[in-house]
Amino acid sequence: MAVARTRCVALVGVTGHMVEVEADVGPGIAGTHLIGLLDTAISEARDRVRSALINSRLAWPDARVTVSLFPASLPKRGSIFDLAIAMSVLGAAGAVPAHRIAGPVFLGELGLDGRVRPVRGVLPAALAAAEAGAGTVVVPAPNAAEAALVPGLTVVPATSLGELVAWLHSGAPHPPPAPVDVPGSAPAAADPRAMPGGHEPDLRDVIGQPVARKALEVCAAGGHNLWLLGPPGTGKTMLAERLPTLLPPLDPDQALEVSAIHSVAGTLPPGRPLLTRPPFMAPHHSATVAAVVGGGSGGAVRPGAVSLAHRGVLFLDEAPEFSATVLDSLRQPLESGTVTIARATGTVTFPARFTLVLAANPCPCGQAGAQGAACRCTPVARRRYLARLSGPLLDRVDVKVVINRATRAELLADRHRAEPSAVVAERVLAARERAARRLAGTPWRCNAEVSSAALHREFRLPEDALAPIRRGLELGTLSPRGVDRILRVAWTLADLAGKDRPGEPETSAALAMWLGAE
């Protein structure tokens, strides 16, 4: 009896779990048996691996082959285990040295001709391997740059099963040189939001809306949610698309976290294994709950738009057109920064801390309140249209802006006052750095994340600064959650103004933004 062991990684959400792959080649009726709570893709691996070995001129054992994936209670899915299964079988059959496959972690899918094909989730799998103490990880060559992002890990790019077996037989401690793109060694790929001709979105393209531009700056500086209400053609979509250009670049930890999510979803842009800029997601209004929040059956749970927008912007254009179930499902991630999906086999948690931007027309025809246009909607139709955005959802939006169509004189006057994104981004960065110094030693990174308890204790404002909020509470126009939202925006306004603490002007301005400024 011969037993060989190697390792692979099982992904549950964006978390990797080490899996020991054991193969036993012994006497008995010839056949292949895979055990260990497997899905259909892994159960089919016996045929892929057998064909890959035979077509690579490697003998398949004419014996009883048993492959076990431990721990048996952990659900395992996908074709990422093909390479590890092939290595363990070859090691048990004596075709490769067993001690050479015991240390590395093998990730990859096998083609019938022996080629090693790329797979999803290599980055979080490599991170899990490094945390488990693995020093070497073998990955498909197209995924090598992705795995190379993990520090302290030796990456072996594999193109075919035959070449990998030759390397294991050679006894070389490191693989032969292979062309691996190292992040930063090549020019950065173009921003996916770039317009035709290479022109990237810039805030100075939006003229005639100075209040909305200021609101965008405040939201970028504090991580606040935004609601834009106005007729078609006023620049709501343009404003939302330019919000990511005001956000600071992702720090190294955030970049790895965001890239890991997109790796699992299979949405990493070609040639860009590391996402360094805040992502921007704009799902269509026909998107389902599973597409927006995430979902799937069994162990095949995929991140949705809220997780793909982690550390970036989630834009819902024509927000009232989304189903009420989709809109209400945003409440949990807006409060907790995570989304938990429960299935019969267990629960999966994805990070989902994003800036939400809602855009809506004032009525179904979009002409209500617009100068020179006649609205054809009845008052009941208007109320029903905007009522699709529930009160609890809008209560979680910090800044609300009503946008009107600009006149020709307003467009001409504002054309020279519109600032480029780079100028505004410098102010945003300075405000975020001021907030980071104040929040040092806490789990929060920006004002929008500060807890309610801290707002009323460690960061409590003087009584004179709270006067506008007290008046709103007495009139019944504010909820307790609204008070917290206003306080967070007030701190952001103080950071933008270079003040150590908000005063009455900041709280008054924050109250106006929360109620909705025209």
Protein backbone atom coordinates (compact mmCIF):
# COMPACT_ATOMS: atom_id res chain seq x y z
CA MET A 1 0.00 0.00 0.00
CA ALA A 2 1.30 3.46 -0.98
CA VAL A 3 -0.08 6.76 0.35
CA ALA A 4 0.96 10.27 -0.70
CA ARG A 5 -0.21 13.62 0.57
CA THR A 6 -0.30 17.15 -0.74
CA ARG A 7 -2.37 20.28 -0.03
CA CYS A 8 -4.94 22.51 -1.65
CA VAL A 9 -7.34 25.25 -0.50
CA ALA A 10 -11.13 25.23 -0.25
CA LEU A 11 -12.82 28.61 -0.55
CA VAL A 12 -15.89 29.45 1.52
CA GLY A 13 -16.88 32.92 0.41
CA VAL A 14 -13.58 34.83 0.32
CA THR A 15 -12.03 32.78 3.14
CA GLY A 16 -9.63 29.98 2.32
CA HIS A 17 -9.37 26.76 4.33
CA MET A 18 -6.44 24.37 3.98
CA VAL A 19 -7.34 20.92 2.65
CA GLU A 20 -5.09 17.87 2.82
CA VAL A 21 -5.38 15.70 -0.28
CA GLU A 22 -4.44 12.06 0.31
CA ALA A 23 -4.20 9.36 -2.33
CA ASP A 24 -4.01 5.63 -1.65
CA VAL A 25 -3.02 3.25 -4.45
CA GLY A 26 -3.50 -0.33 -3.30
CA PRO A 27 -4.84 -3.77 -4.13
CA GLY A 28 -8.45 -4.30 -5.00
CA ILE A 29 -10.79 -3.89 -7.93
CA ALA A 30 -9.38 -1.19 -10.23
CA GLY A 31 -11.28 2.06 -9.92
CA THR A 32 -11.10 5.61 -8.62
CA HIS A 33 -12.98 6.80 -5.54
CA LEU A 34 -13.12 10.42 -4.36
CA ILE A 35 -14.39 11.13 -0.85
CA GLY A 36 -14.71 14.23 1.35
CA LEU A 37 -18.04 16.10 0.89
CA LEU A 38 -17.46 16.98 -2.77
CA ASP A 39 -19.59 18.77 -5.33
CA THR A 40 -20.18 17.65 -8.91
CA ALA A 41 -17.15 19.48 -10.31
CA ILE A 42 -14.78 17.59 -8.01
CA SER A 43 -16.56 14.28 -8.54
CA GLU A 44 -15.89 14.70 -12.26
CA ALA A 45 -12.20 15.31 -11.53
CA ARG A 46 -11.46 11.58 -11.77
CA ASP A 47 -12.11 11.66 -15.51
CA ARG A 48 -10.25 14.95 -16.11
CA VAL A 49 -7.23 13.87 -14.08
CA ARG A 50 -7.05 10.40 -15.68
CA SER A 51 -7.18 11.82 -19.22
CA ALA A 52 -4.64 14.52 -18.34
CA LEU A 53 -2.18 11.93 -17.02
CA ILE A 54 -2.55 9.57 -19.98
CA ASN A 55 -2.23 12.40 -22.55
CA SER A 56 0.88 13.65 -20.70
CA ARG A 57 2.45 10.18 -21.19
CA LEU A 58 2.10 9.38 -17.50
CA ALA A 59 0.72 6.01 -16.43
CA TRP A 60 -2.57 5.81 -14.57
CA PRO A 61 -2.37 3.21 -11.76
CA ASP A 62 -4.06 -0.08 -12.65
CA ALA A 63 -5.25 -0.53 -9.09
CA ARG A 64 -7.78 0.71 -6.59
CA VAL A 65 -7.23 4.48 -6.19
CA THR A 66 -8.82 6.27 -3.25
CA VAL A 67 -8.49 10.04 -2.90
CA SER A 68 -9.58 11.69 0.33
CA LEU A 69 -9.95 15.43 0.91
CA PHE A 70 -9.58 16.27 4.60
CA PRO A 71 -11.34 17.66 6.61
CA ALA A 72 -14.24 15.59 5.34
CA SER A 73 -16.84 17.85 6.97
CA LEU A 74 -15.76 20.95 4.99
CA PRO A 75 -17.72 21.47 1.77
CA LYS A 76 -15.45 21.52 -1.27
CA ARG A 77 -16.36 22.75 -4.70
CA GLY A 78 -14.86 23.71 -8.03
CA SER A 79 -12.10 22.41 -10.26
CA ILE A 80 -9.32 24.07 -8.23
CA PHE A 81 -8.52 20.64 -6.71
CA ASP A 82 -7.61 18.93 -10.03
CA LEU A 83 -3.88 19.61 -9.81
CA ALA A 84 -3.61 18.52 -6.17
CA ILE A 85 -5.52 15.30 -6.89
CA ALA A 86 -3.23 14.50 -9.83
CA MET A 87 -0.09 15.14 -7.74
CA SER A 88 -1.28 12.96 -4.88
CA VAL A 89 -2.12 10.07 -7.25
CA LEU A 90 1.27 10.38 -8.98
CA GLY A 91 3.02 10.48 -5.60
CA ALA A 92 1.17 7.40 -4.35
CA ALA A 93 1.98 5.57 -7.60
CA GLY A 94 5.68 6.49 -7.33
CA ALA A 95 5.64 8.60 -10.50
CA VAL A 96 6.89 11.66 -8.57
CA PRO A 97 8.81 11.86 -5.28
CA ALA A 98 6.24 11.91 -2.47
CA HIS A 99 8.34 14.22 -0.29
CA ARG A 100 8.45 16.82 -3.09
CA ILE A 101 4.66 17.24 -3.19
CA ALA A 102 4.10 17.22 0.58
CA GLY A 103 5.14 20.85 1.15
CA PRO A 104 3.73 22.93 -1.75
CA VAL A 105 0.09 23.88 -2.18
CA PHE A 106 -1.28 22.94 -5.62
CA LEU A 107 -4.07 25.00 -7.22
CA GLY A 108 -5.42 24.60 -10.73
CA GLU A 109 -7.74 22.88 -13.15
CA LEU A 110 -6.51 20.28 -15.63
CA GLY A 111 -7.47 20.06 -19.27
CA LEU A 112 -7.82 16.67 -20.92
CA ASP A 113 -4.54 17.26 -22.77
CA GLY A 114 -2.64 17.95 -19.54
CA ARG A 115 -2.66 21.73 -19.69
CA VAL A 116 -3.09 23.58 -16.40
CA ARG A 117 -6.01 25.97 -16.77
CA PRO A 118 -6.65 29.13 -14.71
CA VAL A 119 -9.20 29.13 -11.90
CA ARG A 120 -11.04 31.69 -9.79
CA GLY A 121 -10.05 32.65 -6.27
CA VAL A 122 -6.29 32.14 -6.52
CA LEU A 123 -5.52 35.29 -4.51
CA PRO A 124 -7.57 34.39 -1.39
CA ALA A 125 -6.34 30.80 -1.72
CA ALA A 126 -2.72 31.98 -1.79
CA LEU A 127 -3.39 34.21 1.22
CA ALA A 128 -4.78 31.22 3.13
CA ALA A 129 -1.77 29.12 2.13
CA ALA A 130 0.64 31.77 3.41
CA GLU A 131 -1.27 32.10 6.69
CA ALA A 132 -1.05 28.31 7.12
CA GLY A 133 2.74 28.46 6.82
CA ALA A 134 3.12 27.20 3.25
CA GLY A 135 6.23 28.48 1.51
CA THR A 136 5.45 27.41 -2.07
CA VAL A 137 2.27 27.48 -4.09
CA VAL A 138 1.87 26.00 -7.56
CA VAL A 139 -0.69 27.85 -9.68
CA PRO A 140 -1.69 28.06 -13.36
CA ALA A 141 0.63 30.41 -15.23
CA PRO A 142 -2.17 32.93 -16.01
CA ASN A 143 -2.83 33.20 -12.24
CA ALA A 144 0.84 33.56 -11.26
CA ALA A 145 0.81 37.36 -11.08
CA GLU A 146 -2.25 37.18 -8.84
CA ALA A 147 -0.59 34.75 -6.42
CA ALA A 148 2.65 36.78 -6.47
CA LEU A 149 0.82 39.59 -4.66
CA VAL A 150 1.11 37.61 -1.42
CA PRO A 151 4.41 38.50 0.29
CA GLY A 152 6.80 35.76 1.37
CA LEU A 153 5.34 33.13 -0.95
CA THR A 154 7.26 31.32 -3.69
CA VAL A 155 5.00 31.05 -6.74
CA VAL A 156 5.50 28.22 -9.23
CA PRO A 157 3.70 28.97 -12.53
CA ALA A 158 2.53 25.74 -14.18
CA THR A 159 1.57 25.50 -17.84
CA SER A 160 1.24 21.73 -18.21
CA LEU A 161 1.26 18.61 -16.10
CA GLY A 162 4.30 17.20 -17.95
CA GLU A 163 6.46 20.26 -17.21
CA LEU A 164 5.43 20.20 -13.56
CA VAL A 165 6.35 16.51 -13.20
CA ALA A 166 9.73 17.19 -14.85
CA TRP A 167 10.42 19.96 -12.33
CA LEU A 168 9.52 17.69 -9.41
CA HIS A 169 11.87 15.01 -10.72
CA SER A 170 14.72 17.48 -11.24
CA GLY A 171 15.02 18.16 -7.52
CA ALA A 172 15.51 21.87 -8.13
CA PRO A 173 14.42 23.97 -5.14
CA HIS A 174 12.86 26.57 -7.43
CA PRO A 175 11.13 26.28 -10.79
CA PRO A 176 12.85 27.28 -14.03
CA PRO A 177 12.39 30.95 -14.97
CA ALA A 178 8.95 31.66 -16.35
CA PRO A 179 7.46 34.88 -17.71
CA VAL A 180 5.43 36.19 -14.78
CA ASP A 181 4.07 39.72 -14.83
CA VAL A 182 4.94 41.39 -11.55
CA PRO A 183 2.48 44.14 -10.56
CA GLY A 184 4.04 47.54 -11.08
CA SER A 185 6.58 46.38 -13.66
CA ALA A 186 4.32 47.26 -16.58
CA PRO A 187 2.26 50.34 -17.32
CA ALA A 188 -1.00 50.39 -15.42
CA ALA A 189 -4.02 49.26 -17.35
CA ALA A 190 -6.55 51.85 -18.30
CA ASP A 191 -9.35 52.58 -15.88
CA PRO A 192 -12.43 50.53 -16.88
CA ARG A 193 -14.54 53.67 -16.44
CA ALA A 194 -12.49 55.52 -19.05
CA MET A 195 -14.46 56.90 -21.96
CA PRO A 196 -13.67 56.25 -25.63
CA GLY A 197 -10.49 58.01 -26.67
CA GLY A 198 -8.82 57.49 -23.29
CA HIS A 199 -10.66 60.34 -21.52
CA GLU A 200 -11.30 59.47 -17.89
CA PRO A 201 -14.30 60.89 -16.00
CA ASP A 202 -13.52 64.25 -14.42
CA LEU A 203 -15.63 66.33 -12.06
CA ARG A 204 -15.10 69.48 -14.10
CA ASP A 205 -17.20 67.88 -16.85
CA VAL A 206 -20.28 68.49 -14.67
CA ILE A 207 -21.23 72.16 -14.90
CA GLY A 208 -24.28 73.98 -13.64
CA GLN A 209 -24.56 71.88 -10.45
CA PRO A 210 -22.29 73.46 -7.79
CA VAL A 211 -24.40 72.18 -4.87
CA ALA A 212 -24.28 68.61 -6.16
CA ARG A 213 -20.51 68.83 -6.71
CA LYS A 214 -20.06 70.02 -3.12
CA ALA A 215 -22.23 67.16 -1.89
CA LEU A 216 -20.06 64.75 -3.86
CA GLU A 217 -16.94 66.15 -2.18
CA VAL A 218 -18.49 65.75 1.26
CA CYS A 219 -19.52 62.16 0.55
CA ALA A 220 -16.03 61.31 -0.73
CA ALA A 221 -14.36 62.86 2.32
CA GLY A 222 -16.52 61.08 4.89
CA GLY A 223 -17.74 57.94 3.09
CA HIS A 224 -21.35 59.11 3.26
CA ASN A 225 -24.28 57.79 1.22
CA LEU A 226 -25.88 60.11 -1.35
CA TRP A 227 -29.33 60.54 -2.92
CA LEU A 228 -29.71 62.59 -6.10
CA LEU A 229 -33.23 63.60 -7.09
CA GLY A 230 -33.91 65.46 -10.32
CA PRO A 231 -35.30 65.29 -13.86
CA PRO A 232 -33.47 63.48 -16.66
CA GLY A 233 -30.42 65.17 -18.16
CA THR A 234 -29.37 67.11 -15.06
CA GLY A 235 -26.14 65.14 -14.52
CA LYS A 236 -27.05 62.56 -11.86
CA THR A 237 -25.26 59.70 -13.62
CA MET A 238 -22.26 61.89 -14.48
CA LEU A 239 -21.90 62.88 -10.83
CA ALA A 240 -22.07 59.29 -9.62
CA GLU A 241 -19.49 58.09 -12.15
CA ARG A 242 -17.07 60.78 -10.96
CA LEU A 243 -17.31 59.99 -7.26
CA PRO A 244 -14.59 57.26 -7.45
CA THR A 245 -12.19 59.81 -8.98
CA LEU A 246 -12.38 61.79 -5.72
CA LEU A 247 -11.68 58.83 -3.44
CA PRO A 248 -8.11 58.13 -2.25
CA PRO A 249 -6.34 55.08 -3.72
CA LEU A 250 -6.74 51.85 -1.79
CA ASP A 251 -4.03 51.12 0.75
CA PRO A 252 -2.18 47.76 0.40
CA ASP A 253 -4.47 45.88 2.80
CA GLN A 254 -7.60 47.25 1.18
CA ALA A 255 -6.27 46.50 -2.30
CA LEU A 256 -5.66 42.84 -1.39
CA GLU A 257 -9.10 42.59 0.22
CA VAL A 258 -10.89 44.09 -2.78
CA SER A 259 -8.84 42.07 -5.28
CA ALA A 260 -9.62 38.85 -3.37
CA ILE A 261 -13.36 39.49 -3.73
CA HIS A 262 -13.06 40.13 -7.46
CA SER A 263 -10.83 37.07 -7.81
CA VAL A 264 -13.52 34.84 -6.30
CA ALA A 265 -16.13 36.43 -8.57
CA GLY A 266 -13.88 36.07 -11.62
CA THR A 267 -14.09 39.78 -12.43
CA LEU A 268 -10.43 40.78 -12.16
CA PRO A 269 -9.53 42.75 -15.31
CA PRO A 270 -6.99 41.02 -17.58
CA GLY A 271 -3.47 42.10 -16.71
CA ARG A 272 -4.57 43.78 -13.45
CA PRO A 273 -4.23 41.24 -10.61
CA LEU A 274 -4.25 44.02 -8.01
CA LEU A 275 -7.03 46.62 -7.91
CA THR A 276 -5.60 49.83 -6.47
CA ARG A 277 -8.51 52.16 -7.23
CA PRO A 278 -11.94 52.11 -5.55
CA PRO A 279 -14.34 49.94 -7.56
CA PHE A 280 -17.53 51.29 -9.13
CA MET A 281 -20.56 49.04 -9.55
CA ALA A 282 -23.77 50.07 -11.31
CA PRO A 283 -26.19 47.11 -11.58
CA HIS A 284 -29.20 47.37 -13.89
CA HIS A 285 -32.55 47.99 -12.25
CA SER A 286 -33.70 44.52 -13.32
CA ALA A 287 -31.01 42.88 -11.13
CA THR A 288 -32.18 40.24 -8.67
CA VAL A 289 -31.42 40.03 -4.95
CA ALA A 290 -28.79 37.36 -5.64
CA ALA A 291 -27.08 39.62 -8.20
CA VAL A 292 -27.02 42.62 -5.88
CA VAL A 293 -26.46 41.05 -2.47
CA GLY A 294 -24.92 37.75 -3.50
CA GLY A 295 -26.19 34.21 -3.52
CA GLY A 296 -26.16 30.81 -5.11
CA SER A 297 -27.01 27.26 -4.15
CA GLY A 298 -25.08 24.99 -1.85
CA GLY A 299 -21.44 25.92 -1.64
CA ALA A 300 -21.50 27.92 -4.89
CA VAL A 301 -22.28 31.22 -3.16
CA ARG A 302 -20.95 34.18 -5.16
CA PRO A 303 -20.44 37.77 -4.04
CA GLY A 304 -22.96 40.27 -5.35
CA ALA A 305 -22.66 43.89 -6.43
CA VAL A 306 -22.56 45.15 -2.83
CA SER A 307 -19.40 43.10 -2.19
CA LEU A 308 -17.84 43.88 -5.56
CA ALA A 309 -18.30 47.56 -4.61
CA HIS A 310 -16.46 47.03 -1.29
CA ARG A 311 -14.31 50.09 -0.49
CA GLY A 312 -15.82 51.78 -3.53
CA VAL A 313 -19.15 53.03 -4.88
CA LEU A 314 -22.46 51.24 -5.51
CA PHE A 315 -24.63 53.29 -7.88
CA LEU A 316 -28.33 52.51 -8.31
CA ASP A 317 -29.58 54.56 -11.25
CA GLU A 318 -33.35 54.90 -11.51
CA ALA A 319 -33.49 53.55 -7.95
CA PRO A 320 -37.33 53.42 -7.73
CA GLU A 321 -37.29 50.96 -10.64
CA PHE A 322 -35.46 48.37 -8.51
CA SER A 323 -37.67 45.86 -6.75
CA ALA A 324 -38.58 46.64 -3.15
CA THR A 325 -36.91 43.40 -2.04
CA VAL A 326 -33.59 44.44 -3.58
CA LEU A 327 -33.72 47.91 -2.04
CA ASP A 328 -34.61 46.64 1.42
CA SER A 329 -31.85 44.03 1.25
CA LEU A 330 -29.34 46.88 1.29
CA ARG A 331 -30.12 47.75 4.90
CA GLN A 332 -27.89 45.11 6.49
CA PRO A 333 -24.71 45.90 4.53
CA LEU A 334 -25.28 49.65 4.98
CA GLU A 335 -25.33 49.20 8.76
CA SER A 336 -22.79 46.42 9.34
CA GLY A 337 -20.47 46.65 6.33
CA THR A 338 -20.94 42.93 5.68
CA VAL A 339 -23.55 40.72 4.05
CA THR A 340 -24.33 37.24 5.40
CA ILE A 341 -25.92 34.65 3.12
CA ALA A 342 -27.45 31.62 4.84
CA ARG A 343 -27.84 28.28 3.11
CA ALA A 344 -28.61 24.76 4.30
CA THR A 345 -24.90 23.89 4.22
CA GLY A 346 -23.90 26.92 6.30
CA THR A 347 -23.48 30.67 6.13
CA VAL A 348 -21.10 32.77 4.06
CA THR A 349 -20.12 36.32 4.98
CA PHE A 350 -18.76 38.78 2.42
CA PRO A 351 -17.39 42.26 3.19
CA ALA A 352 -19.61 45.03 1.83
CA ARG A 353 -18.58 48.46 3.06
CA PHE A 354 -19.40 50.81 0.20
CA THR A 355 -20.69 54.29 -0.55
CA LEU A 356 -24.25 54.09 -1.83
CA VAL A 357 -25.44 56.56 -4.48
CA LEU A 358 -29.15 56.56 -5.34
CA ALA A 359 -30.45 58.48 -8.35
CA ALA A 360 -34.13 59.03 -9.04
CA ASN A 361 -36.45 61.08 -11.19
CA PRO A 362 -39.11 63.10 -9.35
CA CYS A 363 -41.93 61.14 -11.04
CA PRO A 364 -42.42 58.34 -13.60
CA CYS A 365 -42.22 60.73 -16.56
CA GLY A 366 -39.36 62.65 -14.94
CA GLN A 367 -40.70 66.13 -15.70
CA ALA A 368 -42.15 67.14 -12.34
CA GLY A 369 -40.70 70.48 -11.28
CA ALA A 370 -38.71 70.90 -14.50
CA GLN A 371 -38.88 74.33 -16.11
CA GLY A 372 -40.49 74.41 -19.52
CA ALA A 373 -41.86 70.86 -19.23
CA ALA A 374 -45.30 69.59 -18.35
CA CYS A 375 -45.60 66.60 -16.01
CA ARG A 376 -48.22 64.08 -17.12
CA CYS A 377 -48.24 62.12 -13.85
CA THR A 378 -51.03 62.30 -11.31
CA PRO A 379 -50.21 63.23 -7.70
CA VAL A 380 -50.95 59.64 -6.67
CA ALA A 381 -48.55 58.29 -9.29
CA ARG A 382 -45.80 60.62 -8.09
CA ARG A 383 -46.22 59.61 -4.46
CA ARG A 384 -46.36 55.93 -5.35
CA TYR A 385 -43.22 56.23 -7.49
CA LEU A 386 -40.99 57.77 -4.80
CA ALA A 387 -42.60 55.65 -2.08
CA ARG A 388 -40.74 52.68 -3.57
CA LEU A 389 -37.70 54.06 -1.74
CA SER A 390 -38.70 53.11 1.79
CA GLY A 391 -38.26 55.43 4.75
CA PRO A 392 -35.82 53.08 6.54
CA LEU A 393 -33.59 53.05 3.44
CA LEU A 394 -33.59 56.83 2.96
CA ASP A 395 -32.98 57.22 6.69
CA ARG A 396 -29.61 55.55 6.06
CA VAL A 397 -28.66 58.11 3.39
CA ASP A 398 -26.60 60.95 4.85
CA VAL A 399 -26.78 63.52 2.03
CA LYS A 400 -29.81 64.26 -0.14
CA VAL A 401 -29.63 66.71 -3.04
CA VAL A 402 -32.42 67.96 -5.30
CA ILE A 403 -31.02 68.80 -8.74
CA ASN A 404 -32.76 71.18 -11.12
CA ARG A 405 -32.02 71.91 -14.76
CA ALA A 406 -29.51 74.71 -15.11
CA THR A 407 -30.24 77.71 -17.28
CA ARG A 408 -27.87 78.95 -19.98
CA ALA A 409 -26.65 81.76 -17.73
CA GLU A 410 -25.97 79.31 -14.89
CA LEU A 411 -24.04 77.01 -17.21
CA LEU A 412 -21.87 79.85 -18.50
CA ALA A 413 -21.22 81.21 -15.00
CA ASP A 414 -20.38 77.81 -13.52
CA ARG A 415 -18.12 76.70 -16.38
CA HIS A 416 -15.11 78.53 -14.96
CA ARG A 417 -15.78 77.52 -11.33
CA ALA A 418 -15.91 73.76 -11.88
CA GLU A 419 -12.75 72.20 -10.45
CA PRO A 420 -11.05 69.08 -11.83
CA SER A 421 -11.21 65.86 -9.87
CA ALA A 422 -7.51 66.03 -8.98
CA VAL A 423 -7.96 69.34 -7.13
CA VAL A 424 -11.01 68.14 -5.20
CA ALA A 425 -9.33 64.80 -4.47
CA GLU A 426 -6.49 66.64 -2.69
CA ARG A 427 -8.98 68.26 -0.32
CA VAL A 428 -10.70 64.93 0.20
CA LEU A 429 -7.39 63.26 1.02
CA ALA A 430 -6.49 65.98 3.50
CA ALA A 431 -9.88 65.61 5.20
CA ARG A 432 -9.51 61.84 5.37
CA GLU A 433 -6.04 62.16 6.88
CA ARG A 434 -7.39 64.53 9.52
CA ALA A 435 -10.16 62.04 10.33
CA ALA A 436 -7.68 59.15 10.41
CA ARG A 437 -5.54 60.95 12.99
CA ARG A 438 -8.59 61.57 15.14
CA LEU A 439 -9.80 57.95 14.77
CA ALA A 440 -6.36 56.41 15.35
CA GLY A 441 -6.61 53.41 17.65
CA THR A 442 -10.25 52.74 16.73
CA PRO A 443 -11.68 50.22 14.22
CA TRP A 444 -13.02 53.06 12.04
CA ARG A 445 -11.36 54.61 9.00
CA CYS A 446 -13.73 57.47 8.12
CA ASN A 447 -16.53 59.46 9.72
CA ALA A 448 -19.35 57.41 8.20
CA GLU A 449 -18.14 54.33 10.10
CA VAL A 450 -18.05 55.88 13.59
CA SER A 451 -20.49 54.19 15.97
CA SER A 452 -23.43 55.96 17.56
CA ALA A 453 -22.03 55.44 21.05
CA ALA A 454 -18.73 57.11 20.14
CA LEU A 455 -20.53 60.06 18.54
CA HIS A 456 -22.31 60.82 21.81
CA ARG A 457 -19.38 60.05 24.12
CA GLU A 458 -15.81 60.42 22.84
CA PHE A 459 -16.83 62.82 20.04
CA ARG A 460 -19.72 64.62 21.70
CA LEU A 461 -20.22 68.18 20.45
CA PRO A 462 -20.82 71.24 22.67
CA GLU A 463 -24.42 72.26 23.35
CA ASP A 464 -24.33 75.35 21.12
CA ALA A 465 -23.29 73.25 18.13
CA LEU A 466 -26.22 70.87 18.75
CA ALA A 467 -28.85 73.65 18.71
CA PRO A 468 -30.01 73.01 15.08
CA ILE A 469 -30.37 69.30 15.80
CA ARG A 470 -32.40 69.93 18.96
CA ARG A 471 -34.81 72.10 16.98
CA GLY A 472 -35.22 69.31 14.42
CA LEU A 473 -35.99 66.80 17.17
CA GLU A 474 -38.56 69.12 18.72
CA LEU A 475 -40.28 69.57 15.33
CA GLY A 476 -40.28 65.80 14.75
CA THR A 477 -38.33 66.01 11.47
CA LEU A 478 -35.42 63.90 12.80
CA SER A 479 -35.11 60.32 13.94
CA PRO A 480 -32.36 59.14 16.31
CA ARG A 481 -30.60 57.52 13.34
CA GLY A 482 -30.91 60.79 11.44
CA VAL A 483 -29.21 62.61 14.32
CA ASP A 484 -26.23 60.25 14.08
CA ARG A 485 -26.05 60.72 10.31
CA ILE A 486 -26.06 64.50 10.69
CA LEU A 487 -23.30 64.39 13.31
CA ARG A 488 -21.10 62.28 11.04
CA VAL A 489 -21.57 64.71 8.15
CA ALA A 490 -20.83 67.64 10.48
CA TRP A 491 -17.49 66.07 11.41
CA THR A 492 -16.71 65.66 7.70
CA LEU A 493 -17.53 69.31 7.02
CA ALA A 494 -15.21 70.28 9.87
CA ASP A 495 -12.43 68.11 8.43
CA LEU A 496 -12.83 69.75 5.02
CA ALA A 497 -12.71 73.18 6.65
CA GLY A 498 -9.63 72.27 8.69
CA LYS A 499 -11.42 72.64 12.02
CA ASP A 500 -10.74 70.52 15.10
CA ARG A 501 -14.43 70.24 15.98
CA PRO A 502 -17.74 71.06 14.26
CA GLY A 503 -19.63 74.16 15.29
CA GLU A 504 -23.16 75.36 14.67
CA PRO A 505 -22.41 76.25 10.99
CA GLU A 506 -21.31 72.67 10.30
CA THR A 507 -24.28 71.06 12.06
CA SER A 508 -26.70 73.44 10.30
CA ALA A 509 -25.16 72.60 6.92
CA ALA A 510 -25.23 68.88 7.74
CA LEU A 511 -28.91 69.15 8.74
CA ALA A 512 -29.71 70.86 5.42
CA MET A 513 -27.88 68.12 3.52
CA TRP A 514 -29.74 65.39 5.37
CA LEU A 515 -33.12 67.01 4.77
CA GLY A 516 -32.33 67.65 1.11
CA ALA A 517 -30.85 70.85 -0.34
CA GLU A 518 -31.78 72.43 -3.66
